[in-house]
């Protein structure tokens, strides 16, 4: 008999694969429209725009310091699951551009689609006790310690990142990007509740 509240390895595997795929797909909408986002992914997107380096590589490298924090504060299982999720996302963002092309994509639709897909993708990963590393780890730690919602913690971090982005990008780009970030974080804030979902 297994604990009915505990995910099996197969369930975890499909959860991380689905969550990473949705987030990678969302990033195709975001970057095609030249938009940015918040959190660690936002830092990686901005760096990839400025330097020309691949988002997947930058995102993977930026996350490395956060694994030690996650290991010490959230445990080895969470850290390993987060590493798997980050690695999958990094790999998928390298593969998907050759598989997807947009004939028409409006900026508002890109922002909304990015926010919705990423919000759902992160929920799937969170519910399998993983994350996409970086500032998401910090947000989950704050929620677990204080009860303050992870989504709201991420909104605060996003405010700082978008403030810096105003010095690098046109105001219109930052404004539409902010819409996507708000949609993403509201989805997490409303739906990510440990007291309502207990499987690990």
N, C-alpha and C. Protein backbone atom coordinates (compact mmCIF):
# COMPACT_ATOMS: atom_id res chain seq x y z
N UNK A 1 0.85 -1.19 0.00
CA UNK A 1 0.00 0.00 0.00
C UNK A 1 0.88 1.24 0.00
N UNK A 2 0.47 2.25 -0.74
CA UNK A 2 1.17 3.52 -0.75
C UNK A 2 0.28 4.61 -0.18
N UNK A 3 0.91 5.65 0.30
CA UNK A 3 0.16 6.79 0.82
C UNK A 3 -0.61 7.43 -0.32
N UNK A 4 -1.96 7.50 -0.24
CA UNK A 4 -2.74 8.06 -1.35
C UNK A 4 -2.47 9.55 -1.56
N UNK A 5 -1.88 10.21 -0.55
CA UNK A 5 -1.59 11.64 -0.69
C UNK A 5 -0.22 11.89 -1.30
N UNK A 6 0.53 10.84 -1.58
CA UNK A 6 1.89 10.99 -2.10
C UNK A 6 1.93 10.64 -3.58
N UNK A 7 2.57 11.49 -4.38
CA UNK A 7 2.69 11.20 -5.80
C UNK A 7 3.68 10.08 -6.05
N UNK A 8 3.39 9.26 -7.05
CA UNK A 8 4.33 8.23 -7.47
C UNK A 8 5.41 8.88 -8.35
N UNK A 9 6.47 8.14 -8.63
CA UNK A 9 7.52 8.65 -9.49
C UNK A 9 6.98 8.96 -10.88
N UNK A 10 6.07 8.10 -11.37
CA UNK A 10 5.48 8.33 -12.69
C UNK A 10 4.65 9.61 -12.69
N UNK A 11 3.89 9.83 -11.63
CA UNK A 11 3.09 11.04 -11.54
C UNK A 11 3.97 12.28 -11.46
N UNK A 12 5.04 12.18 -10.69
CA UNK A 12 5.98 13.31 -10.62
C UNK A 12 6.60 13.59 -11.99
N UNK A 13 6.99 12.54 -12.68
CA UNK A 13 7.65 12.70 -13.98
C UNK A 13 6.74 13.42 -14.97
N UNK A 14 5.48 12.98 -15.04
CA UNK A 14 4.57 13.65 -15.99
C UNK A 14 4.26 15.06 -15.54
N UNK A 15 4.23 15.28 -14.22
CA UNK A 15 3.97 16.62 -13.70
C UNK A 15 5.07 17.59 -14.08
N UNK A 16 6.33 17.19 -13.89
CA UNK A 16 7.45 18.05 -14.24
C UNK A 16 7.54 18.26 -15.75
N UNK A 17 7.28 17.19 -16.52
CA UNK A 17 7.33 17.31 -17.97
C UNK A 17 6.24 18.27 -18.47
N UNK A 18 5.03 18.12 -17.96
CA UNK A 18 3.93 18.98 -18.38
C UNK A 18 4.17 20.42 -17.95
N UNK A 19 4.55 20.60 -16.69
CA UNK A 19 4.78 21.96 -16.20
C UNK A 19 5.88 22.67 -16.96
N UNK A 20 6.98 21.98 -17.20
CA UNK A 20 8.10 22.59 -17.93
C UNK A 20 7.71 22.89 -19.37
N UNK A 21 6.95 22.00 -19.99
CA UNK A 21 6.52 22.22 -21.37
C UNK A 21 5.62 23.45 -21.48
N UNK A 22 4.66 23.58 -20.56
CA UNK A 22 3.76 24.73 -20.60
C UNK A 22 4.54 26.04 -20.41
N UNK A 23 5.50 26.03 -19.51
CA UNK A 23 6.30 27.23 -19.27
C UNK A 23 7.21 27.54 -20.46
N UNK A 24 7.78 26.51 -21.08
CA UNK A 24 8.63 26.72 -22.25
C UNK A 24 7.80 27.24 -23.42
N UNK A 25 6.59 26.70 -23.58
CA UNK A 25 5.70 27.17 -24.63
C UNK A 25 5.33 28.63 -24.39
N UNK A 26 5.07 28.96 -23.14
CA UNK A 26 4.73 30.34 -22.78
C UNK A 26 5.86 31.29 -23.14
N UNK A 27 7.09 30.87 -22.94
CA UNK A 27 8.24 31.71 -23.24
C UNK A 27 8.39 31.98 -24.74
N UNK A 28 7.88 31.08 -25.57
CA UNK A 28 7.90 31.32 -27.01
C UNK A 28 7.00 32.49 -27.37
N UNK A 29 5.83 32.57 -26.73
CA UNK A 29 4.93 33.71 -26.93
C UNK A 29 5.59 35.00 -26.44
N UNK A 30 6.18 34.92 -25.27
CA UNK A 30 6.79 36.10 -24.65
C UNK A 30 7.92 36.67 -25.50
N UNK A 31 8.87 35.82 -25.86
CA UNK A 31 10.06 36.31 -26.56
C UNK A 31 9.76 36.67 -28.02
N UNK A 32 8.78 36.00 -28.62
CA UNK A 32 8.42 36.37 -30.00
C UNK A 32 7.90 37.80 -30.05
N UNK A 33 7.20 38.21 -29.00
CA UNK A 33 6.66 39.57 -28.94
C UNK A 33 7.67 40.56 -28.37
N UNK A 34 8.85 40.07 -27.98
CA UNK A 34 9.87 40.96 -27.43
C UNK A 34 9.56 41.46 -26.05
N UNK A 35 8.75 40.70 -25.31
CA UNK A 35 8.36 41.10 -23.96
C UNK A 35 9.32 40.51 -22.93
N UNK A 36 9.15 40.92 -21.69
CA UNK A 36 9.97 40.43 -20.59
C UNK A 36 9.06 39.87 -19.52
N UNK A 37 9.63 39.34 -18.48
CA UNK A 37 8.84 38.84 -17.36
C UNK A 37 9.63 39.06 -16.07
N UNK A 38 9.07 38.60 -14.97
CA UNK A 38 9.72 38.77 -13.68
C UNK A 38 10.43 37.51 -13.23
N UNK A 39 10.82 37.50 -11.97
CA UNK A 39 11.48 36.36 -11.35
C UNK A 39 12.82 36.05 -12.01
N UNK A 40 13.34 34.88 -11.73
CA UNK A 40 14.63 34.48 -12.29
C UNK A 40 14.55 34.37 -13.81
N UNK A 41 13.41 33.88 -14.30
CA UNK A 41 13.23 33.79 -15.75
C UNK A 41 13.31 35.16 -16.38
N UNK A 42 12.77 36.17 -15.70
CA UNK A 42 12.82 37.53 -16.23
C UNK A 42 14.24 38.05 -16.33
N UNK A 43 15.04 37.75 -15.32
CA UNK A 43 16.44 38.16 -15.36
C UNK A 43 17.14 37.47 -16.53
N UNK A 44 16.84 36.18 -16.72
CA UNK A 44 17.45 35.43 -17.82
C UNK A 44 17.00 35.96 -19.18
N UNK A 45 15.71 36.31 -19.31
CA UNK A 45 15.21 36.86 -20.57
C UNK A 45 15.90 38.17 -20.89
N UNK A 46 15.99 39.05 -19.90
CA UNK A 46 16.65 40.34 -20.11
C UNK A 46 18.10 40.15 -20.52
N UNK A 47 18.81 39.27 -19.84
CA UNK A 47 20.21 39.01 -20.18
C UNK A 47 20.34 38.42 -21.58
N UNK A 48 19.42 37.56 -21.96
CA UNK A 48 19.49 36.97 -23.30
C UNK A 48 19.25 38.02 -24.38
N UNK A 49 18.32 38.96 -24.11
CA UNK A 49 18.10 40.04 -25.07
C UNK A 49 19.34 40.92 -25.20
N UNK A 50 19.93 41.28 -24.06
CA UNK A 50 21.04 42.22 -24.04
C UNK A 50 22.33 41.62 -24.60
N UNK A 51 22.56 40.35 -24.27
CA UNK A 51 23.84 39.71 -24.64
C UNK A 51 23.77 38.84 -25.89
N UNK A 52 22.55 38.37 -26.24
CA UNK A 52 22.42 37.43 -27.34
C UNK A 52 22.64 35.99 -26.94
N UNK A 53 22.91 35.77 -25.67
CA UNK A 53 23.09 34.40 -25.19
C UNK A 53 21.75 33.68 -25.14
N UNK A 54 21.80 32.36 -25.21
CA UNK A 54 20.59 31.55 -25.15
C UNK A 54 19.91 31.67 -23.80
N UNK A 55 18.58 31.85 -23.82
CA UNK A 55 17.83 31.91 -22.57
C UNK A 55 18.03 30.64 -21.75
N UNK A 56 17.95 29.47 -22.40
CA UNK A 56 18.06 28.21 -21.67
C UNK A 56 19.34 28.08 -20.89
N UNK A 57 20.45 28.47 -21.49
CA UNK A 57 21.75 28.40 -20.82
C UNK A 57 21.83 29.40 -19.68
N UNK A 58 21.41 30.64 -19.95
CA UNK A 58 21.45 31.68 -18.92
C UNK A 58 20.57 31.30 -17.73
N UNK A 59 19.37 30.81 -18.02
CA UNK A 59 18.44 30.44 -16.96
C UNK A 59 19.00 29.33 -16.09
N UNK A 60 19.62 28.33 -16.71
CA UNK A 60 20.19 27.21 -15.96
C UNK A 60 21.31 27.70 -15.04
N UNK A 61 22.19 28.54 -15.57
CA UNK A 61 23.34 29.02 -14.80
C UNK A 61 22.90 29.91 -13.64
N UNK A 62 21.94 30.81 -13.89
CA UNK A 62 21.47 31.72 -12.84
C UNK A 62 20.90 30.95 -11.66
N UNK A 63 20.29 29.81 -11.93
CA UNK A 63 19.65 29.03 -10.87
C UNK A 63 20.63 28.28 -9.98
N UNK A 64 21.86 28.10 -10.43
CA UNK A 64 22.80 27.27 -9.68
C UNK A 64 22.96 27.69 -8.21
N UNK A 65 23.14 28.98 -7.88
CA UNK A 65 23.32 29.35 -6.47
C UNK A 65 22.10 29.04 -5.59
N UNK A 66 20.92 29.02 -6.20
CA UNK A 66 19.71 28.81 -5.41
C UNK A 66 19.53 27.36 -4.97
N UNK A 67 20.24 26.44 -5.64
CA UNK A 67 20.09 25.03 -5.26
C UNK A 67 20.65 24.77 -3.86
N UNK A 68 21.73 25.45 -3.50
CA UNK A 68 22.28 25.29 -2.16
C UNK A 68 21.28 25.78 -1.12
N UNK A 69 20.68 26.93 -1.37
CA UNK A 69 19.66 27.47 -0.46
C UNK A 69 18.49 26.51 -0.34
N UNK A 70 18.04 25.99 -1.47
CA UNK A 70 16.92 25.05 -1.45
C UNK A 70 17.28 23.78 -0.69
N UNK A 71 18.49 23.29 -0.89
CA UNK A 71 18.93 22.05 -0.21
C UNK A 71 18.94 22.24 1.31
N UNK A 72 19.44 23.40 1.75
CA UNK A 72 19.57 23.66 3.19
C UNK A 72 18.23 23.95 3.86
N UNK A 73 17.33 24.63 3.15
CA UNK A 73 16.11 25.10 3.78
C UNK A 73 14.87 24.29 3.42
N UNK A 74 14.85 23.66 2.23
CA UNK A 74 13.66 22.96 1.77
C UNK A 74 13.88 21.47 1.54
N UNK A 75 15.12 21.01 1.67
CA UNK A 75 15.39 19.58 1.61
C UNK A 75 15.86 19.08 0.26
N UNK A 76 16.49 17.90 0.27
CA UNK A 76 17.05 17.34 -0.97
C UNK A 76 16.00 16.95 -2.00
N UNK A 77 14.82 16.46 -1.55
CA UNK A 77 13.80 16.05 -2.51
C UNK A 77 13.31 17.24 -3.32
N UNK A 78 13.01 18.34 -2.64
CA UNK A 78 12.55 19.54 -3.32
C UNK A 78 13.63 20.07 -4.26
N UNK A 79 14.87 20.05 -3.81
CA UNK A 79 15.98 20.56 -4.62
C UNK A 79 16.16 19.73 -5.88
N UNK A 80 16.13 18.42 -5.76
CA UNK A 80 16.30 17.55 -6.92
C UNK A 80 15.15 17.72 -7.91
N UNK A 81 13.93 17.85 -7.39
CA UNK A 81 12.78 18.05 -8.27
C UNK A 81 12.88 19.40 -8.99
N UNK A 82 13.36 20.41 -8.29
CA UNK A 82 13.53 21.72 -8.91
C UNK A 82 14.61 21.68 -9.98
N UNK A 83 15.70 20.98 -9.71
CA UNK A 83 16.77 20.84 -10.70
C UNK A 83 16.26 20.15 -11.96
N UNK A 84 15.44 19.13 -11.78
CA UNK A 84 14.86 18.43 -12.92
C UNK A 84 13.98 19.37 -13.73
N UNK A 85 13.13 20.14 -13.03
CA UNK A 85 12.22 21.06 -13.72
C UNK A 85 12.98 22.14 -14.47
N UNK A 86 14.00 22.72 -13.84
CA UNK A 86 14.79 23.77 -14.48
C UNK A 86 15.53 23.20 -15.70
N UNK A 87 16.09 22.01 -15.56
CA UNK A 87 16.81 21.40 -16.67
C UNK A 87 15.89 21.13 -17.85
N UNK A 88 14.68 20.64 -17.55
CA UNK A 88 13.71 20.38 -18.61
C UNK A 88 13.32 21.68 -19.32
N UNK A 89 13.05 22.72 -18.55
CA UNK A 89 12.67 24.00 -19.15
C UNK A 89 13.80 24.55 -20.01
N UNK A 90 15.02 24.49 -19.50
CA UNK A 90 16.17 24.99 -20.25
C UNK A 90 16.32 24.25 -21.58
N UNK A 91 16.18 22.93 -21.54
CA UNK A 91 16.32 22.12 -22.75
C UNK A 91 15.19 22.42 -23.74
N UNK A 92 13.98 22.52 -23.23
CA UNK A 92 12.82 22.76 -24.11
C UNK A 92 12.89 24.12 -24.78
N UNK A 93 13.39 25.13 -24.09
CA UNK A 93 13.49 26.45 -24.71
C UNK A 93 14.54 26.48 -25.81
N UNK A 94 15.46 25.53 -25.79
CA UNK A 94 16.42 25.41 -26.88
C UNK A 94 15.82 24.69 -28.09
N UNK A 95 14.84 23.80 -27.83
CA UNK A 95 14.26 22.99 -28.89
C UNK A 95 13.04 23.62 -29.56
N UNK A 96 12.19 24.29 -28.77
CA UNK A 96 10.91 24.75 -29.30
C UNK A 96 10.99 25.82 -30.40
N UNK A 97 11.96 26.74 -30.38
CA UNK A 97 11.98 27.75 -31.44
C UNK A 97 12.01 27.17 -32.85
N UNK A 98 12.59 25.98 -33.01
CA UNK A 98 12.64 25.36 -34.33
C UNK A 98 11.33 24.64 -34.68
N UNK A 99 10.42 24.55 -33.71
CA UNK A 99 9.18 23.81 -33.91
C UNK A 99 7.96 24.72 -34.02
N UNK A 100 8.10 25.99 -33.68
CA UNK A 100 6.96 26.89 -33.62
C UNK A 100 7.27 28.17 -34.38
N UNK A 101 6.28 28.62 -35.18
CA UNK A 101 6.40 29.91 -35.85
C UNK A 101 5.05 30.63 -35.74
N UNK A 102 5.09 31.93 -35.56
CA UNK A 102 3.86 32.72 -35.43
C UNK A 102 3.70 33.60 -36.66
N UNK A 103 2.60 33.39 -37.38
CA UNK A 103 2.30 34.27 -38.51
C UNK A 103 1.75 35.60 -38.00
N UNK A 104 0.91 35.51 -36.98
CA UNK A 104 0.34 36.70 -36.36
C UNK A 104 0.29 36.50 -34.85
N UNK A 105 0.78 37.46 -34.11
CA UNK A 105 0.72 37.40 -32.65
C UNK A 105 0.72 38.83 -32.12
N UNK A 106 -0.42 39.26 -31.61
CA UNK A 106 -0.50 40.61 -31.06
C UNK A 106 0.21 40.65 -29.71
N UNK A 107 0.67 41.81 -29.34
CA UNK A 107 1.36 41.97 -28.06
C UNK A 107 0.46 41.65 -26.87
N UNK A 108 -0.80 42.15 -26.84
CA UNK A 108 -1.67 41.79 -25.71
C UNK A 108 -1.91 40.29 -25.60
N UNK A 109 -2.11 39.62 -26.75
CA UNK A 109 -2.33 38.18 -26.72
C UNK A 109 -1.09 37.45 -26.24
N UNK A 110 0.08 37.90 -26.63
CA UNK A 110 1.33 37.29 -26.18
C UNK A 110 1.46 37.41 -24.67
N UNK A 111 1.15 38.59 -24.14
CA UNK A 111 1.27 38.80 -22.70
C UNK A 111 0.28 37.94 -21.92
N UNK A 112 -0.98 37.91 -22.37
CA UNK A 112 -2.00 37.13 -21.67
C UNK A 112 -1.72 35.63 -21.76
N UNK A 113 -1.33 35.16 -22.94
CA UNK A 113 -1.06 33.73 -23.11
C UNK A 113 0.15 33.32 -22.28
N UNK A 114 1.18 34.15 -22.27
CA UNK A 114 2.34 33.85 -21.44
C UNK A 114 1.94 33.71 -19.98
N UNK A 115 1.19 34.69 -19.47
CA UNK A 115 0.80 34.65 -18.06
C UNK A 115 -0.03 33.44 -17.70
N UNK A 116 -1.00 33.10 -18.56
CA UNK A 116 -1.88 31.97 -18.29
C UNK A 116 -1.13 30.64 -18.34
N UNK A 117 -0.36 30.44 -19.40
CA UNK A 117 0.36 29.17 -19.55
C UNK A 117 1.41 28.98 -18.45
N UNK A 118 2.13 30.04 -18.12
CA UNK A 118 3.15 29.92 -17.08
C UNK A 118 2.52 29.70 -15.72
N UNK A 119 1.41 30.39 -15.44
CA UNK A 119 0.73 30.20 -14.16
C UNK A 119 0.29 28.76 -13.97
N UNK A 120 -0.31 28.17 -15.00
CA UNK A 120 -0.75 26.78 -14.91
C UNK A 120 0.44 25.84 -14.83
N UNK A 121 1.47 26.11 -15.63
CA UNK A 121 2.67 25.26 -15.60
C UNK A 121 3.33 25.25 -14.24
N UNK A 122 3.44 26.42 -13.62
CA UNK A 122 4.04 26.49 -12.29
C UNK A 122 3.17 25.79 -11.24
N UNK A 123 1.85 25.91 -11.36
CA UNK A 123 0.98 25.21 -10.42
C UNK A 123 1.20 23.71 -10.48
N UNK A 124 1.34 23.18 -11.69
CA UNK A 124 1.58 21.74 -11.84
C UNK A 124 2.89 21.35 -11.16
N UNK A 125 3.94 22.14 -11.40
CA UNK A 125 5.23 21.84 -10.79
C UNK A 125 5.18 21.97 -9.27
N UNK A 126 4.54 23.04 -8.76
CA UNK A 126 4.41 23.24 -7.32
C UNK A 126 3.68 22.07 -6.66
N UNK A 127 2.66 21.55 -7.33
CA UNK A 127 1.86 20.48 -6.73
C UNK A 127 2.58 19.15 -6.73
N UNK A 128 3.71 19.10 -7.38
CA UNK A 128 4.56 17.91 -7.30
C UNK A 128 5.81 18.22 -6.47
N UNK A 129 5.69 19.25 -5.63
CA UNK A 129 6.75 19.63 -4.69
C UNK A 129 8.06 20.01 -5.38
N UNK A 130 7.93 20.72 -6.49
CA UNK A 130 9.10 21.23 -7.18
C UNK A 130 8.94 22.71 -7.43
N UNK A 131 9.87 23.28 -8.17
CA UNK A 131 9.80 24.69 -8.54
C UNK A 131 10.69 24.90 -9.75
N UNK A 132 10.67 26.12 -10.27
CA UNK A 132 11.62 26.47 -11.32
C UNK A 132 12.77 27.26 -10.74
N UNK A 133 13.05 26.97 -9.48
CA UNK A 133 14.24 27.49 -8.82
C UNK A 133 14.21 28.97 -8.59
N UNK A 134 15.40 29.53 -8.38
CA UNK A 134 15.56 30.96 -8.25
C UNK A 134 14.69 31.61 -7.20
N UNK A 135 14.09 32.73 -7.57
CA UNK A 135 13.28 33.49 -6.64
C UNK A 135 12.01 32.74 -6.24
N UNK A 136 11.60 31.76 -7.07
CA UNK A 136 10.45 30.94 -6.70
C UNK A 136 10.72 30.15 -5.43
N UNK A 137 11.96 29.72 -5.25
CA UNK A 137 12.35 29.02 -4.02
C UNK A 137 12.16 29.94 -2.82
N UNK A 138 12.62 31.17 -2.95
CA UNK A 138 12.48 32.13 -1.87
C UNK A 138 11.01 32.38 -1.57
N UNK A 139 10.19 32.52 -2.61
CA UNK A 139 8.77 32.77 -2.42
C UNK A 139 8.08 31.62 -1.69
N UNK A 140 8.41 30.39 -2.06
CA UNK A 140 7.83 29.23 -1.39
C UNK A 140 8.29 29.13 0.05
N UNK A 141 9.54 29.49 0.31
CA UNK A 141 10.05 29.48 1.69
C UNK A 141 9.28 30.49 2.55
N UNK A 142 9.06 31.67 2.01
CA UNK A 142 8.32 32.70 2.75
C UNK A 142 6.90 32.22 3.03
N UNK A 143 6.27 31.60 2.02
CA UNK A 143 4.90 31.11 2.22
C UNK A 143 4.84 30.04 3.29
N UNK A 144 5.78 29.11 3.25
CA UNK A 144 5.78 28.01 4.22
C UNK A 144 6.08 28.49 5.63
N UNK A 145 6.89 29.55 5.74
CA UNK A 145 7.29 30.05 7.06
C UNK A 145 6.26 31.02 7.65
N UNK A 146 5.65 31.85 6.79
CA UNK A 146 4.80 32.92 7.30
C UNK A 146 3.34 32.81 6.90
N UNK A 147 3.05 32.00 5.87
CA UNK A 147 1.69 31.92 5.37
C UNK A 147 1.38 32.98 4.33
N UNK A 148 2.32 33.89 4.09
CA UNK A 148 2.14 34.93 3.08
C UNK A 148 2.25 34.30 1.71
N UNK A 149 1.25 34.48 0.84
CA UNK A 149 1.16 33.76 -0.42
C UNK A 149 2.39 33.94 -1.30
N UNK A 150 2.82 32.84 -1.91
CA UNK A 150 3.99 32.86 -2.79
C UNK A 150 3.78 33.82 -3.95
N UNK A 151 2.57 33.88 -4.47
CA UNK A 151 2.29 34.77 -5.58
C UNK A 151 2.52 36.22 -5.24
N UNK A 152 2.17 36.61 -4.02
CA UNK A 152 2.35 38.00 -3.62
C UNK A 152 3.83 38.32 -3.39
N UNK A 153 4.57 37.34 -2.88
CA UNK A 153 6.01 37.53 -2.73
C UNK A 153 6.64 37.76 -4.10
N UNK A 154 6.21 36.98 -5.07
CA UNK A 154 6.76 37.11 -6.42
C UNK A 154 6.36 38.43 -7.06
N UNK A 155 5.16 38.94 -6.73
CA UNK A 155 4.76 40.24 -7.25
C UNK A 155 5.71 41.33 -6.78
N UNK A 156 6.14 41.24 -5.51
CA UNK A 156 7.08 42.21 -4.97
C UNK A 156 8.42 42.16 -5.69
N UNK A 157 8.91 40.94 -5.93
CA UNK A 157 10.18 40.79 -6.65
C UNK A 157 10.04 41.30 -8.08
N UNK A 158 8.89 41.02 -8.68
CA UNK A 158 8.66 41.49 -10.05
C UNK A 158 8.68 43.01 -10.13
N UNK A 159 8.16 43.68 -9.10
CA UNK A 159 8.15 45.14 -9.12
C UNK A 159 9.56 45.70 -9.23
N UNK A 160 10.50 45.06 -8.54
CA UNK A 160 11.90 45.51 -8.61
C UNK A 160 12.47 45.26 -10.01
N UNK A 161 12.23 44.07 -10.56
CA UNK A 161 12.77 43.71 -11.87
C UNK A 161 12.20 44.62 -12.95
N UNK A 162 10.90 44.88 -12.89
CA UNK A 162 10.28 45.73 -13.90
C UNK A 162 10.73 47.18 -13.75
N UNK A 163 11.02 47.59 -12.53
CA UNK A 163 11.55 48.93 -12.33
C UNK A 163 12.89 49.10 -13.02
N UNK A 164 13.73 48.09 -12.91
CA UNK A 164 15.03 48.12 -13.60
C UNK A 164 14.84 48.08 -15.11
N UNK A 165 13.85 47.28 -15.56
CA UNK A 165 13.60 47.13 -17.00
C UNK A 165 13.20 48.45 -17.65
N UNK A 166 12.62 49.35 -16.89
CA UNK A 166 12.23 50.65 -17.45
C UNK A 166 13.42 51.44 -17.98
N UNK A 167 14.60 51.13 -17.45
CA UNK A 167 15.81 51.81 -17.91
C UNK A 167 16.41 51.14 -19.15
N UNK A 168 15.88 49.95 -19.52
CA UNK A 168 16.47 49.19 -20.63
C UNK A 168 15.53 49.04 -21.82
N UNK A 169 14.22 49.13 -21.59
CA UNK A 169 13.25 48.86 -22.64
C UNK A 169 12.23 50.00 -22.73
N UNK A 170 11.54 50.11 -23.87
CA UNK A 170 10.48 51.12 -23.98
C UNK A 170 9.38 50.88 -22.95
N UNK A 171 8.73 51.96 -22.55
CA UNK A 171 7.67 51.87 -21.55
C UNK A 171 6.55 50.92 -22.01
N UNK A 172 6.23 50.94 -23.31
CA UNK A 172 5.16 50.08 -23.82
C UNK A 172 5.49 48.60 -23.63
N UNK A 173 6.75 48.23 -23.84
CA UNK A 173 7.18 46.84 -23.66
C UNK A 173 7.02 46.43 -22.20
N UNK A 174 7.47 47.29 -21.29
CA UNK A 174 7.37 46.99 -19.87
C UNK A 174 5.92 46.90 -19.43
N UNK A 175 5.07 47.78 -19.96
CA UNK A 175 3.66 47.80 -19.57
C UNK A 175 2.94 46.51 -19.98
N UNK A 176 3.13 46.10 -21.23
CA UNK A 176 2.50 44.85 -21.68
C UNK A 176 3.09 43.64 -20.96
N UNK A 177 4.36 43.69 -20.70
CA UNK A 177 5.00 42.60 -19.97
C UNK A 177 4.44 42.50 -18.56
N UNK A 178 4.18 43.63 -17.96
CA UNK A 178 3.62 43.65 -16.61
C UNK A 178 2.26 42.99 -16.57
N UNK A 179 1.47 43.15 -17.64
CA UNK A 179 0.17 42.49 -17.70
C UNK A 179 0.34 40.98 -17.61
N UNK A 180 1.29 40.43 -18.36
CA UNK A 180 1.53 38.99 -18.31
C UNK A 180 1.96 38.53 -16.94
N UNK A 181 2.83 39.31 -16.29
CA UNK A 181 3.31 38.95 -14.95
C UNK A 181 2.18 38.99 -13.93
N UNK A 182 1.28 39.96 -14.06
CA UNK A 182 0.15 40.06 -13.12
C UNK A 182 -0.77 38.85 -13.28
N UNK A 183 -1.08 38.48 -14.53
CA UNK A 183 -1.92 37.30 -14.77
C UNK A 183 -1.29 36.06 -14.16
N UNK A 184 0.01 35.87 -14.41
CA UNK A 184 0.75 34.72 -13.90
C UNK A 184 0.66 34.65 -12.37
N UNK A 185 0.98 35.75 -11.72
CA UNK A 185 1.05 35.74 -10.26
C UNK A 185 -0.32 35.66 -9.60
N UNK A 186 -1.34 36.22 -10.23
CA UNK A 186 -2.68 36.09 -9.67
C UNK A 186 -3.17 34.64 -9.74
N UNK A 187 -2.83 33.95 -10.83
CA UNK A 187 -3.20 32.53 -10.94
C UNK A 187 -2.58 31.74 -9.79
N UNK A 188 -1.30 31.99 -9.51
CA UNK A 188 -0.63 31.28 -8.43
C UNK A 188 -1.19 31.69 -7.07
N UNK A 189 -1.40 32.99 -6.87
CA UNK A 189 -1.88 33.48 -5.58
C UNK A 189 -3.25 32.92 -5.24
N UNK A 190 -4.10 32.80 -6.24
CA UNK A 190 -5.47 32.33 -6.01
C UNK A 190 -5.53 30.81 -5.88
N UNK A 191 -4.72 30.10 -6.64
CA UNK A 191 -4.85 28.64 -6.74
C UNK A 191 -3.84 27.83 -5.95
N UNK A 192 -2.70 28.42 -5.56
CA UNK A 192 -1.70 27.63 -4.85
C UNK A 192 -1.93 27.71 -3.35
N UNK A 193 -2.62 26.71 -2.82
CA UNK A 193 -2.96 26.68 -1.41
C UNK A 193 -2.58 25.33 -0.83
N UNK A 194 -1.59 25.31 0.06
CA UNK A 194 -1.15 24.06 0.70
C UNK A 194 -2.28 23.43 1.50
N UNK A 195 -3.16 24.26 2.08
CA UNK A 195 -4.24 23.72 2.90
C UNK A 195 -5.34 23.08 2.07
N UNK A 196 -5.32 23.29 0.74
CA UNK A 196 -6.34 22.70 -0.11
C UNK A 196 -5.80 21.54 -0.93
N UNK A 197 -4.48 21.46 -1.05
CA UNK A 197 -3.87 20.41 -1.85
C UNK A 197 -2.73 19.83 -1.05
N UNK A 198 -2.86 18.57 -0.62
CA UNK A 198 -1.94 18.03 0.38
C UNK A 198 -0.98 16.99 -0.19
N UNK A 199 -1.17 16.59 -1.45
CA UNK A 199 -0.27 15.57 -2.00
C UNK A 199 1.13 16.11 -2.11
N UNK A 200 2.13 15.22 -1.98
CA UNK A 200 3.54 15.64 -2.03
C UNK A 200 4.28 14.86 -3.10
